[in-house]
């Protein structure tokens, strides 16, 4: 099976987010959380993962990178299922919307 999606980054209340190029995603199966696959995004913020075996998966932005870039997201991880049946339609593309951590901005302004 396979999935596709995109990562966009935008400031709060900004109408036009920009592509999350270079953001890494972590992909794992809930029953095997120690087996993590790192998924890079392309220059336009999109990503594609293939060769997924049937089962449940979770994907999320890399928390170390998010912290270093002072980014947050409202959905810490997304769960999806690969059925293994070629007749089943692919789920909707996965989309992560990241934004600047407003608590970081306010703490840096106080320094």
Protein backbone atom coordinates (compact mmCIF):
# COMPACT_ATOMS: atom_id res chain seq x y z
CA UNK A 1 0.00 0.00 0.00
CA UNK A 2 0.93 3.65 -0.17
CA UNK A 3 -0.02 7.09 1.15
CA UNK A 4 0.57 10.66 0.11
CA UNK A 5 0.11 14.02 1.71
CA UNK A 6 1.56 17.42 2.46
CA UNK A 7 2.93 19.57 5.23
CA UNK A 8 2.18 23.29 5.26
CA UNK A 9 3.44 25.92 7.68
CA UNK A 10 1.59 29.13 8.44
CA UNK A 11 1.48 31.80 11.10
CA UNK A 12 -1.72 32.04 13.13
CA UNK A 13 -4.43 33.84 11.13
CA UNK A 14 -2.27 33.80 7.98
CA UNK A 15 -4.30 33.09 4.86
CA UNK A 16 -1.49 31.65 2.69
CA UNK A 17 0.60 28.95 4.35
CA UNK A 18 3.90 27.96 2.74
CA UNK A 19 5.20 24.49 1.98
CA UNK A 20 6.80 22.48 4.77
CA UNK A 21 9.89 21.60 2.74
CA UNK A 22 12.44 19.66 4.73
CA UNK A 23 10.06 18.66 7.50
CA UNK A 24 10.62 15.05 8.52
CA UNK A 25 7.73 12.75 9.40
CA UNK A 26 7.86 9.69 11.63
CA UNK A 27 5.81 6.67 10.51
CA UNK A 28 5.17 3.65 12.74
CA UNK A 29 2.74 0.86 13.49
CA UNK A 30 0.99 1.12 16.89
CA UNK A 31 1.94 -2.47 17.73
CA UNK A 32 5.62 -1.79 16.91
CA UNK A 33 6.35 1.77 18.10
CA UNK A 34 10.10 1.13 18.20
CA UNK A 35 10.20 0.53 14.42
CA UNK A 36 10.06 4.06 13.06
CA UNK A 37 10.44 5.00 9.41
CA UNK A 38 11.61 8.59 8.73
CA UNK A 39 9.82 10.22 5.78
CA UNK A 40 11.26 13.45 4.30
CA UNK A 41 9.05 15.98 2.55
CA UNK A 42 9.80 17.20 -0.96
CA UNK A 43 10.57 20.83 -1.81
CA UNK A 44 6.87 21.61 -2.16
CA UNK A 45 6.03 20.09 1.24
CA UNK A 46 4.46 16.94 -0.19
CA UNK A 47 5.43 13.39 0.74
CA UNK A 48 4.84 9.92 -0.59
CA UNK A 49 5.33 6.55 1.11
CA UNK A 50 5.02 3.20 -0.61
CA UNK A 51 5.69 -0.45 0.18
CA UNK A 52 3.42 -0.34 3.24
CA UNK A 53 2.18 -3.71 4.43
CA UNK A 54 -1.50 -4.06 5.41
CA UNK A 55 -2.34 -2.81 8.89
CA UNK A 56 -2.78 0.28 11.04
CA UNK A 57 -0.17 3.07 10.92
CA UNK A 58 0.47 6.39 12.59
CA UNK A 59 2.36 9.34 11.19
CA UNK A 60 3.47 12.59 12.80
CA UNK A 61 5.95 15.42 12.32
CA UNK A 62 9.31 14.79 14.00
CA UNK A 63 9.01 16.29 17.49
CA UNK A 64 12.72 17.23 17.75
CA UNK A 65 12.55 19.16 14.48
CA UNK A 66 9.25 20.78 15.50
CA UNK A 67 10.80 21.95 18.77
CA UNK A 68 13.95 23.26 17.07
CA UNK A 69 11.88 25.23 14.54
CA UNK A 70 9.39 26.42 17.21
CA UNK A 71 6.43 24.83 15.43
CA UNK A 72 3.25 23.22 16.78
CA UNK A 73 0.32 21.36 15.26
CA UNK A 74 -3.24 20.69 16.40
CA UNK A 75 -3.07 17.01 15.41
CA UNK A 76 0.01 15.41 17.00
CA UNK A 77 -0.40 12.23 14.92
CA UNK A 78 -2.73 10.81 12.30
CA UNK A 79 -3.80 7.17 12.19
CA UNK A 80 -4.69 5.37 8.96
CA UNK A 81 -5.14 1.83 7.69
CA UNK A 82 -3.64 0.04 4.70
CA UNK A 83 -6.06 -2.75 3.77
CA UNK A 84 -3.94 -4.57 1.22
CA UNK A 85 -6.96 -4.86 -1.08
CA UNK A 86 -6.19 -3.17 -4.42
CA UNK A 87 -9.94 -2.59 -4.89
CA UNK A 88 -10.07 -0.28 -1.84
CA UNK A 89 -9.65 3.39 -2.66
CA UNK A 90 -6.76 5.22 -1.07
CA UNK A 91 -7.75 7.40 1.85
CA UNK A 92 -7.68 11.16 1.42
CA UNK A 93 -4.19 12.68 1.32
CA UNK A 94 -2.78 13.28 4.79
CA UNK A 95 -2.30 16.96 5.65
CA UNK A 96 -0.37 18.44 8.54
CA UNK A 97 -0.81 22.17 9.17
CA UNK A 98 2.02 23.48 11.35
CA UNK A 99 2.22 26.94 12.84
CA UNK A 100 4.69 28.96 14.83
CA UNK A 101 4.53 28.34 18.56
CA UNK A 102 3.01 31.56 19.90
CA UNK A 103 4.34 30.82 23.41
CA UNK A 104 7.89 30.94 21.99
CA UNK A 105 7.25 34.32 20.35
CA UNK A 106 5.95 35.85 23.57
CA UNK A 107 8.80 34.44 25.67
CA UNK A 108 11.47 35.67 23.22
CA UNK A 109 9.95 39.16 23.20
CA UNK A 110 10.29 39.34 26.99
CA UNK A 111 14.06 38.70 26.90
